[in-house]
Amino acid sequence: MASRHRQPRPGDLIEIFRIGYQHWALYVGNGYVIHLAPPSEYAGAGSSSLFSVLSSRAVVKRERLRDVVGGCDYRVNNLLDDKYRPLPVEVILDAAKAKIGEELEYSILNRNCEHFVTDLRYGVPECRQVENAKIGGGVFLGLGLLAILGYSVMSRRRQNQ
């Protein structure tokens, strides 16, 4: 599960906290990660890579964890271990290494870095960031509609008095 203090082990998911979003990588050992990043993103891009998420293509890269993290905070976060059984570590690592250098379609909503690493670890591409944003957006929209409805009801009451 999530822990900022645990040393990563091969096959662990790494959550990197950037301004406005989290970037995800898969720890492969010896200080290296494999991650999906737009071609314009460079190692250590940190928060400046926010604009690179607008790209429609991404490249699978193997880079040093410290370079990918840059000045950002990070933690080991095998976020779906309570929902899915992780694949065997050798399977995860072999699949990840086989993808290095591949250019893939990228979509912030359904083919992003979190989908990429959860697919490697669990065999299921899932992104809690997107799900949480959808839920949060729905709640925000719902509250907005309730406010408009409430205002409308109050306005009608005032007009009828």
N, C-alpha and C. Protein backbone atom coordinates (compact mmCIF):
# COMPACT_ATOMS: atom_id res chain seq x y z
N MET A 1 0.84 -1.18 0.00
CA MET A 1 0.00 0.00 0.00
C MET A 1 0.89 1.25 0.00
N ALA A 2 0.27 2.39 0.15
CA ALA A 2 1.00 3.64 0.04
C ALA A 2 1.90 3.88 1.25
N SER A 3 3.13 4.26 0.98
CA SER A 3 4.07 4.59 2.05
C SER A 3 5.19 5.45 1.49
N ARG A 4 5.41 6.60 2.07
CA ARG A 4 6.48 7.48 1.61
C ARG A 4 7.84 7.01 2.11
N HIS A 5 7.87 6.12 3.09
CA HIS A 5 9.13 5.76 3.73
C HIS A 5 9.69 4.43 3.27
N ARG A 6 8.90 3.62 2.61
CA ARG A 6 9.35 2.31 2.19
C ARG A 6 10.21 2.43 0.93
N GLN A 7 11.30 1.70 0.92
CA GLN A 7 12.15 1.63 -0.28
C GLN A 7 11.41 0.85 -1.35
N PRO A 8 11.42 1.33 -2.58
CA PRO A 8 10.72 0.58 -3.63
C PRO A 8 11.40 -0.75 -3.92
N ARG A 9 10.58 -1.73 -4.30
CA ARG A 9 11.05 -3.04 -4.72
C ARG A 9 10.63 -3.24 -6.17
N PRO A 10 11.35 -4.04 -6.93
CA PRO A 10 10.96 -4.28 -8.32
C PRO A 10 9.49 -4.68 -8.43
N GLY A 11 8.79 -4.03 -9.36
CA GLY A 11 7.38 -4.27 -9.57
C GLY A 11 6.47 -3.30 -8.86
N ASP A 12 7.03 -2.48 -7.95
CA ASP A 12 6.24 -1.48 -7.22
C ASP A 12 5.85 -0.32 -8.14
N LEU A 13 4.69 0.25 -7.86
CA LEU A 13 4.26 1.47 -8.54
C LEU A 13 4.75 2.66 -7.74
N ILE A 14 5.25 3.65 -8.47
CA ILE A 14 5.76 4.87 -7.86
C ILE A 14 4.84 6.03 -8.27
N GLU A 15 4.29 6.70 -7.28
CA GLU A 15 3.44 7.87 -7.50
C GLU A 15 4.28 9.12 -7.26
N ILE A 16 4.38 9.97 -8.27
CA ILE A 16 5.19 11.18 -8.20
C ILE A 16 4.25 12.37 -8.18
N PHE A 17 4.38 13.21 -7.15
CA PHE A 17 3.47 14.33 -6.95
C PHE A 17 3.97 15.57 -7.68
N ARG A 18 3.31 15.87 -8.78
CA ARG A 18 3.64 17.06 -9.57
C ARG A 18 2.51 18.07 -9.36
N ILE A 19 2.76 19.29 -9.74
CA ILE A 19 1.75 20.33 -9.54
C ILE A 19 0.54 20.03 -10.42
N GLY A 20 -0.59 19.78 -9.79
CA GLY A 20 -1.84 19.57 -10.51
C GLY A 20 -2.15 18.13 -10.87
N TYR A 21 -1.22 17.22 -10.74
CA TYR A 21 -1.48 15.81 -11.09
C TYR A 21 -0.36 14.94 -10.53
N GLN A 22 -0.55 13.62 -10.64
CA GLN A 22 0.48 12.67 -10.24
C GLN A 22 0.98 11.94 -11.49
N HIS A 23 2.29 11.79 -11.56
CA HIS A 23 2.90 10.99 -12.61
C HIS A 23 3.19 9.63 -12.01
N TRP A 24 3.09 8.56 -12.82
CA TRP A 24 3.28 7.20 -12.33
C TRP A 24 4.39 6.51 -13.08
N ALA A 25 5.13 5.68 -12.35
CA ALA A 25 6.23 4.90 -12.93
C ALA A 25 6.25 3.54 -12.26
N LEU A 26 6.93 2.61 -12.88
CA LEU A 26 7.10 1.26 -12.35
C LEU A 26 8.56 1.08 -11.97
N TYR A 27 8.80 0.73 -10.72
CA TYR A 27 10.18 0.52 -10.26
C TYR A 27 10.68 -0.82 -10.78
N VAL A 28 11.87 -0.80 -11.41
CA VAL A 28 12.42 -2.04 -11.98
C VAL A 28 13.72 -2.47 -11.29
N GLY A 29 14.18 -1.71 -10.31
CA GLY A 29 15.37 -2.09 -9.56
C GLY A 29 16.57 -1.22 -9.87
N ASN A 30 17.55 -1.25 -8.98
CA ASN A 30 18.82 -0.52 -9.12
C ASN A 30 18.62 0.97 -9.37
N GLY A 31 17.56 1.54 -8.80
CA GLY A 31 17.32 2.98 -8.92
C GLY A 31 16.63 3.40 -10.20
N TYR A 32 16.14 2.45 -11.00
CA TYR A 32 15.51 2.77 -12.29
C TYR A 32 14.01 2.50 -12.27
N VAL A 33 13.30 3.28 -13.10
CA VAL A 33 11.87 3.09 -13.33
C VAL A 33 11.62 3.03 -14.84
N ILE A 34 10.48 2.46 -15.18
CA ILE A 34 9.98 2.50 -16.54
C ILE A 34 8.66 3.25 -16.45
N HIS A 35 8.49 4.20 -17.36
CA HIS A 35 7.27 5.01 -17.32
C HIS A 35 6.89 5.46 -18.72
N LEU A 36 5.66 5.91 -18.84
CA LEU A 36 5.11 6.41 -20.09
C LEU A 36 5.11 7.92 -20.02
N ALA A 37 5.79 8.55 -20.96
CA ALA A 37 5.90 10.00 -20.94
C ALA A 37 5.83 10.55 -22.36
N PRO A 38 5.17 11.70 -22.52
CA PRO A 38 5.16 12.33 -23.84
C PRO A 38 6.59 12.56 -24.32
N PRO A 39 6.80 12.47 -25.65
CA PRO A 39 8.16 12.60 -26.20
C PRO A 39 8.86 13.89 -25.80
N SER A 40 8.09 14.96 -25.58
CA SER A 40 8.69 16.25 -25.24
C SER A 40 9.15 16.33 -23.79
N GLU A 41 8.73 15.37 -22.95
CA GLU A 41 9.12 15.41 -21.54
C GLU A 41 10.55 14.90 -21.39
N TYR A 42 11.32 15.61 -20.60
CA TYR A 42 12.69 15.20 -20.34
C TYR A 42 12.81 14.79 -18.88
N ALA A 43 13.79 13.97 -18.58
CA ALA A 43 13.99 13.52 -17.20
C ALA A 43 14.15 14.72 -16.29
N GLY A 44 13.49 14.67 -15.14
CA GLY A 44 13.57 15.76 -14.19
C GLY A 44 12.69 16.94 -14.55
N ALA A 45 11.74 16.74 -15.49
CA ALA A 45 10.88 17.83 -15.93
C ALA A 45 10.03 18.36 -14.79
N GLY A 46 9.69 17.47 -13.86
CA GLY A 46 8.90 17.89 -12.71
C GLY A 46 7.61 18.56 -13.13
N SER A 47 7.26 19.65 -12.47
CA SER A 47 5.98 20.31 -12.73
C SER A 47 5.92 20.93 -14.10
N SER A 48 7.05 21.21 -14.73
CA SER A 48 7.02 21.81 -16.07
C SER A 48 6.48 20.85 -17.11
N SER A 49 6.38 19.56 -16.76
CA SER A 49 5.87 18.59 -17.71
C SER A 49 4.35 18.60 -17.78
N LEU A 50 3.68 19.43 -16.97
CA LEU A 50 2.22 19.50 -16.98
C LEU A 50 1.70 19.74 -18.40
N PHE A 51 2.37 20.59 -19.17
CA PHE A 51 1.91 20.90 -20.51
C PHE A 51 2.13 19.74 -21.47
N SER A 52 3.04 18.84 -21.15
CA SER A 52 3.31 17.71 -22.04
C SER A 52 2.18 16.68 -22.03
N VAL A 53 1.27 16.73 -21.04
CA VAL A 53 0.17 15.78 -21.00
C VAL A 53 -0.85 16.05 -22.10
N LEU A 54 -0.70 17.15 -22.81
CA LEU A 54 -1.61 17.46 -23.91
C LEU A 54 -1.23 16.71 -25.18
N SER A 55 -0.13 16.01 -25.18
CA SER A 55 0.34 15.26 -26.34
C SER A 55 -0.56 14.05 -26.60
N SER A 56 -0.65 13.61 -27.86
CA SER A 56 -1.45 12.44 -28.19
C SER A 56 -0.57 11.19 -28.36
N ARG A 57 0.73 11.33 -28.20
CA ARG A 57 1.68 10.21 -28.29
C ARG A 57 2.57 10.23 -27.06
N ALA A 58 3.04 9.06 -26.68
CA ALA A 58 3.96 8.95 -25.55
C ALA A 58 4.95 7.83 -25.82
N VAL A 59 6.09 7.91 -25.13
CA VAL A 59 7.16 6.94 -25.30
C VAL A 59 7.42 6.24 -23.97
N VAL A 60 7.65 4.94 -24.04
CA VAL A 60 8.01 4.18 -22.84
C VAL A 60 9.50 4.38 -22.61
N LYS A 61 9.84 4.88 -21.42
CA LYS A 61 11.23 5.22 -21.12
C LYS A 61 11.71 4.49 -19.88
N ARG A 62 12.99 4.18 -19.86
CA ARG A 62 13.66 3.63 -18.67
C ARG A 62 14.64 4.70 -18.23
N GLU A 63 14.41 5.23 -17.03
CA GLU A 63 15.25 6.32 -16.52
C GLU A 63 15.44 6.15 -15.02
N ARG A 64 16.43 6.86 -14.51
CA ARG A 64 16.68 6.82 -13.07
C ARG A 64 15.50 7.45 -12.33
N LEU A 65 15.08 6.81 -11.26
CA LEU A 65 13.98 7.32 -10.46
C LEU A 65 14.24 8.76 -10.04
N ARG A 66 15.43 9.04 -9.56
CA ARG A 66 15.72 10.40 -9.07
C ARG A 66 15.62 11.43 -10.18
N ASP A 67 15.93 11.02 -11.42
CA ASP A 67 15.82 11.95 -12.55
C ASP A 67 14.37 12.20 -12.93
N VAL A 68 13.55 11.16 -12.88
CA VAL A 68 12.13 11.31 -13.21
C VAL A 68 11.44 12.13 -12.13
N VAL A 69 11.79 11.90 -10.88
CA VAL A 69 11.19 12.62 -9.76
C VAL A 69 11.58 14.09 -9.79
N GLY A 70 12.82 14.40 -10.16
CA GLY A 70 13.27 15.78 -10.12
C GLY A 70 13.18 16.30 -8.71
N GLY A 71 12.58 17.45 -8.53
CA GLY A 71 12.44 18.05 -7.20
C GLY A 71 11.12 17.72 -6.53
N CYS A 72 10.35 16.81 -7.11
CA CYS A 72 9.03 16.48 -6.58
C CYS A 72 9.11 15.40 -5.50
N ASP A 73 8.04 15.28 -4.74
CA ASP A 73 7.92 14.23 -3.74
C ASP A 73 7.35 12.98 -4.43
N TYR A 74 7.59 11.82 -3.86
CA TYR A 74 7.05 10.59 -4.42
C TYR A 74 6.86 9.57 -3.31
N ARG A 75 6.13 8.50 -3.66
CA ARG A 75 5.95 7.40 -2.71
C ARG A 75 5.68 6.11 -3.47
N VAL A 76 5.96 4.99 -2.82
CA VAL A 76 5.54 3.69 -3.32
C VAL A 76 4.03 3.63 -3.08
N ASN A 77 3.27 3.31 -4.13
CA ASN A 77 1.81 3.25 -3.97
C ASN A 77 1.23 2.18 -4.89
N ASN A 78 1.17 0.97 -4.37
CA ASN A 78 0.56 -0.14 -5.10
C ASN A 78 -0.94 -0.09 -4.85
N LEU A 79 -1.55 0.95 -5.37
CA LEU A 79 -2.90 1.38 -5.03
C LEU A 79 -4.01 0.37 -5.29
N LEU A 80 -3.80 -0.58 -6.16
CA LEU A 80 -4.88 -1.52 -6.47
C LEU A 80 -4.64 -2.92 -5.91
N ASP A 81 -3.65 -3.08 -5.03
CA ASP A 81 -3.38 -4.39 -4.44
C ASP A 81 -4.58 -4.94 -3.67
N ASP A 82 -5.43 -4.05 -3.15
CA ASP A 82 -6.61 -4.49 -2.43
C ASP A 82 -7.74 -4.93 -3.36
N LYS A 83 -7.61 -4.59 -4.64
CA LYS A 83 -8.64 -4.91 -5.63
C LYS A 83 -8.23 -6.05 -6.57
N TYR A 84 -6.95 -6.08 -6.94
CA TYR A 84 -6.42 -7.09 -7.88
C TYR A 84 -5.17 -7.74 -7.30
N ARG A 85 -4.93 -8.97 -7.69
CA ARG A 85 -3.69 -9.65 -7.31
C ARG A 85 -2.61 -9.21 -8.31
N PRO A 86 -1.48 -8.69 -7.81
CA PRO A 86 -0.40 -8.32 -8.73
C PRO A 86 0.11 -9.53 -9.50
N LEU A 87 0.50 -9.32 -10.73
CA LEU A 87 1.12 -10.37 -11.53
C LEU A 87 2.47 -10.72 -10.91
N PRO A 88 3.04 -11.88 -11.22
CA PRO A 88 4.38 -12.20 -10.70
C PRO A 88 5.39 -11.13 -11.15
N VAL A 89 6.31 -10.80 -10.25
CA VAL A 89 7.28 -9.73 -10.51
C VAL A 89 8.02 -9.94 -11.83
N GLU A 90 8.42 -11.18 -12.13
CA GLU A 90 9.16 -11.43 -13.38
C GLU A 90 8.31 -11.09 -14.60
N VAL A 91 7.01 -11.39 -14.53
CA VAL A 91 6.09 -11.09 -15.63
C VAL A 91 5.96 -9.58 -15.80
N ILE A 92 5.81 -8.87 -14.69
CA ILE A 92 5.70 -7.41 -14.71
C ILE A 92 6.94 -6.80 -15.35
N LEU A 93 8.11 -7.21 -14.86
CA LEU A 93 9.37 -6.62 -15.34
C LEU A 93 9.64 -6.97 -16.81
N ASP A 94 9.38 -8.22 -17.19
CA ASP A 94 9.60 -8.61 -18.59
C ASP A 94 8.70 -7.80 -19.52
N ALA A 95 7.43 -7.64 -19.15
CA ALA A 95 6.49 -6.87 -19.98
C ALA A 95 6.91 -5.41 -20.08
N ALA A 96 7.35 -4.84 -18.95
CA ALA A 96 7.77 -3.44 -18.94
C ALA A 96 9.02 -3.24 -19.80
N LYS A 97 10.00 -4.10 -19.62
CA LYS A 97 11.26 -3.97 -20.38
C LYS A 97 11.03 -4.16 -21.88
N ALA A 98 10.08 -5.02 -22.24
CA ALA A 98 9.79 -5.25 -23.67
C ALA A 98 9.19 -4.01 -24.34
N LYS A 99 8.64 -3.11 -23.55
CA LYS A 99 7.99 -1.92 -24.11
C LYS A 99 8.92 -0.71 -24.21
N ILE A 100 10.11 -0.78 -23.63
CA ILE A 100 11.02 0.37 -23.65
C ILE A 100 11.26 0.81 -25.10
N GLY A 101 11.10 2.09 -25.31
CA GLY A 101 11.32 2.67 -26.63
C GLY A 101 10.08 2.70 -27.52
N GLU A 102 9.04 1.98 -27.13
CA GLU A 102 7.81 1.98 -27.94
C GLU A 102 7.12 3.34 -27.83
N GLU A 103 6.57 3.80 -28.95
CA GLU A 103 5.74 4.99 -28.95
C GLU A 103 4.29 4.52 -28.97
N LEU A 104 3.50 5.00 -28.02
CA LEU A 104 2.12 4.56 -27.86
C LEU A 104 1.17 5.74 -27.95
N GLU A 105 -0.09 5.42 -28.24
CA GLU A 105 -1.13 6.45 -28.19
C GLU A 105 -1.25 6.90 -26.74
N TYR A 106 -1.48 8.20 -26.54
CA TYR A 106 -1.60 8.76 -25.20
C TYR A 106 -2.88 9.57 -25.10
N SER A 107 -3.60 9.37 -24.03
CA SER A 107 -4.80 10.15 -23.74
C SER A 107 -4.85 10.35 -22.23
N ILE A 108 -5.01 11.57 -21.81
CA ILE A 108 -5.05 11.85 -20.37
C ILE A 108 -6.23 11.13 -19.71
N LEU A 109 -7.29 10.84 -20.46
CA LEU A 109 -8.47 10.19 -19.88
C LEU A 109 -8.43 8.67 -19.88
N ASN A 110 -7.81 8.03 -20.91
CA ASN A 110 -7.87 6.57 -20.93
C ASN A 110 -6.61 5.85 -21.39
N ARG A 111 -5.52 6.55 -21.58
CA ARG A 111 -4.25 5.90 -21.93
C ARG A 111 -3.09 6.73 -21.37
N ASN A 112 -3.10 6.94 -20.07
CA ASN A 112 -2.06 7.78 -19.48
C ASN A 112 -1.04 6.94 -18.70
N CYS A 113 -0.15 7.59 -18.01
CA CYS A 113 0.94 6.90 -17.31
C CYS A 113 0.42 5.98 -16.20
N GLU A 114 -0.67 6.35 -15.55
CA GLU A 114 -1.23 5.49 -14.49
C GLU A 114 -1.88 4.25 -15.10
N HIS A 115 -2.62 4.42 -16.20
CA HIS A 115 -3.16 3.25 -16.91
C HIS A 115 -2.02 2.30 -17.31
N PHE A 116 -0.94 2.89 -17.80
CA PHE A 116 0.20 2.09 -18.28
C PHE A 116 0.78 1.22 -17.17
N VAL A 117 1.07 1.81 -16.01
CA VAL A 117 1.71 1.03 -14.95
C VAL A 117 0.76 0.06 -14.26
N THR A 118 -0.52 0.43 -14.13
CA THR A 118 -1.46 -0.51 -13.51
C THR A 118 -1.71 -1.71 -14.43
N ASP A 119 -1.67 -1.48 -15.74
CA ASP A 119 -1.79 -2.59 -16.68
C ASP A 119 -0.60 -3.53 -16.54
N LEU A 120 0.59 -2.98 -16.37
CA LEU A 120 1.78 -3.82 -16.19
C LEU A 120 1.70 -4.62 -14.89
N ARG A 121 1.31 -3.98 -13.79
CA ARG A 121 1.32 -4.65 -12.48
C ARG A 121 0.15 -5.62 -12.30
N TYR A 122 -1.04 -5.22 -12.78
CA TYR A 122 -2.24 -6.01 -12.49
C TYR A 122 -2.87 -6.66 -13.73
N GLY A 123 -2.43 -6.25 -14.91
CA GLY A 123 -3.07 -6.73 -16.13
C GLY A 123 -4.37 -6.01 -16.43
N VAL A 124 -4.59 -4.90 -15.72
CA VAL A 124 -5.81 -4.10 -15.87
C VAL A 124 -5.41 -2.62 -15.90
N PRO A 125 -5.66 -1.93 -17.02
CA PRO A 125 -5.36 -0.50 -17.05
C PRO A 125 -6.43 0.30 -16.31
N GLU A 126 -6.05 0.92 -15.22
CA GLU A 126 -7.01 1.67 -14.42
C GLU A 126 -6.35 2.95 -13.94
N CYS A 127 -7.14 3.99 -13.78
CA CYS A 127 -6.59 5.27 -13.35
C CYS A 127 -7.52 5.90 -12.33
N ARG A 128 -7.11 5.90 -11.10
CA ARG A 128 -7.94 6.50 -10.04
C ARG A 128 -7.98 8.02 -10.16
N GLN A 129 -6.92 8.63 -10.71
CA GLN A 129 -6.95 10.08 -10.89
C GLN A 129 -8.12 10.49 -11.77
N VAL A 130 -8.30 9.77 -12.88
CA VAL A 130 -9.38 10.09 -13.81
C VAL A 130 -10.72 9.79 -13.16
N GLU A 131 -10.83 8.64 -12.48
CA GLU A 131 -12.09 8.29 -11.82
C GLU A 131 -12.45 9.32 -10.76
N ASN A 132 -11.46 9.73 -9.96
CA ASN A 132 -11.72 10.74 -8.93
C ASN A 132 -12.11 12.07 -9.54
N ALA A 133 -11.50 12.43 -10.66
CA ALA A 133 -11.83 13.69 -11.32
C ALA A 133 -13.26 13.63 -11.87
N LYS A 134 -13.65 12.47 -12.42
CA LYS A 134 -15.01 12.32 -12.92
C LYS A 134 -16.01 12.45 -11.77
N ILE A 135 -15.72 11.77 -10.65
CA ILE A 135 -16.61 11.83 -9.49
C ILE A 135 -16.66 13.26 -8.95
N GLY A 136 -15.49 13.86 -8.80
CA GLY A 136 -15.43 15.24 -8.30
C GLY A 136 -16.15 16.20 -9.22
N GLY A 137 -15.98 16.02 -10.53
CA GLY A 137 -16.66 16.87 -11.49
C GLY A 137 -18.16 16.68 -11.43
N GLY A 138 -18.58 15.43 -11.24
CA GLY A 138 -20.01 15.14 -11.12
C GLY A 138 -20.60 15.76 -9.87
N VAL A 139 -19.87 15.68 -8.76
CA VAL A 139 -20.32 16.28 -7.51
C VAL A 139 -20.42 17.79 -7.68
N PHE A 140 -19.40 18.39 -8.30
CA PHE A 140 -19.39 19.84 -8.51
C PHE A 140 -20.58 20.24 -9.38
N LEU A 141 -20.82 19.50 -10.46
CA LEU A 141 -21.94 19.77 -11.35
C LEU A 141 -23.25 19.61 -10.61
N GLY A 142 -23.36 18.54 -9.82
CA GLY A 142 -24.58 18.29 -9.05
C GLY A 142 -24.85 19.41 -8.06
N LEU A 143 -23.83 19.87 -7.35
CA LEU A 143 -24.00 20.96 -6.40
C LEU A 143 -24.40 22.25 -7.11
N GLY A 144 -23.81 22.46 -8.28
CA GLY A 144 -24.17 23.64 -9.07
C GLY A 144 -25.62 23.61 -9.50
N LEU A 145 -26.10 22.44 -9.94
CA LEU A 145 -27.50 22.31 -10.35
C LEU A 145 -28.43 22.49 -9.16
N LEU A 146 -28.06 21.94 -7.99
CA LEU A 146 -28.86 22.14 -6.79
C LEU A 146 -28.94 23.62 -6.41
N ALA A 147 -27.84 24.32 -6.53
CA ALA A 147 -27.82 25.75 -6.22
C ALA A 147 -28.73 26.52 -7.16
N ILE A 148 -28.70 26.19 -8.44
CA ILE A 148 -29.56 26.86 -9.42
C ILE A 148 -31.02 26.56 -9.13
N LEU A 149 -31.33 25.29 -8.83
CA LEU A 149 -32.69 24.89 -8.51
C LEU A 149 -33.18 25.62 -7.25
N GLY A 150 -32.34 25.67 -6.23
CA GLY A 150 -32.68 26.37 -4.99
C GLY A 150 -32.94 27.84 -5.23
N TYR A 151 -32.11 28.47 -6.03
CA TYR A 151 -32.28 29.88 -6.35
C TYR A 151 -33.59 30.09 -7.10
N SER A 152 -33.90 29.19 -8.03
CA SER A 152 -35.12 29.27 -8.82
C SER A 152 -36.35 29.16 -7.92
N VAL A 153 -36.35 28.20 -6.99
CA VAL A 153 -37.47 28.02 -6.07
C VAL A 153 -37.63 29.25 -5.20
N MET A 154 -36.54 29.79 -4.68
CA MET A 154 -36.60 30.97 -3.81
C MET A 154 -37.12 32.18 -4.59
N SER A 155 -36.70 32.32 -5.83
CA SER A 155 -37.15 33.44 -6.67
C SER A 155 -38.64 33.36 -6.92
N ARG A 156 -39.14 32.16 -7.20
CA ARG A 156 -40.58 31.98 -7.44
C ARG A 156 -41.38 32.29 -6.18
N ARG A 157 -40.86 31.86 -5.02
CA ARG A 157 -41.56 32.15 -3.75
C ARG A 157 -41.67 33.66 -3.53
N ARG A 158 -40.58 34.38 -3.82
CA ARG A 158 -40.59 35.84 -3.63
C ARG A 158 -41.59 36.48 -4.58
N GLN A 159 -41.65 35.99 -5.81
CA GLN A 159 -42.57 36.56 -6.80
C GLN A 159 -44.02 36.30 -6.42
N ASN A 160 -44.29 35.14 -5.81
CA ASN A 160 -45.65 34.78 -5.42
C ASN A 160 -46.11 35.50 -4.16
N GLN A 161 -45.24 36.12 -3.42
CA GLN A 161 -45.63 36.80 -2.17
C GLN A 161 -46.07 38.20 -2.39
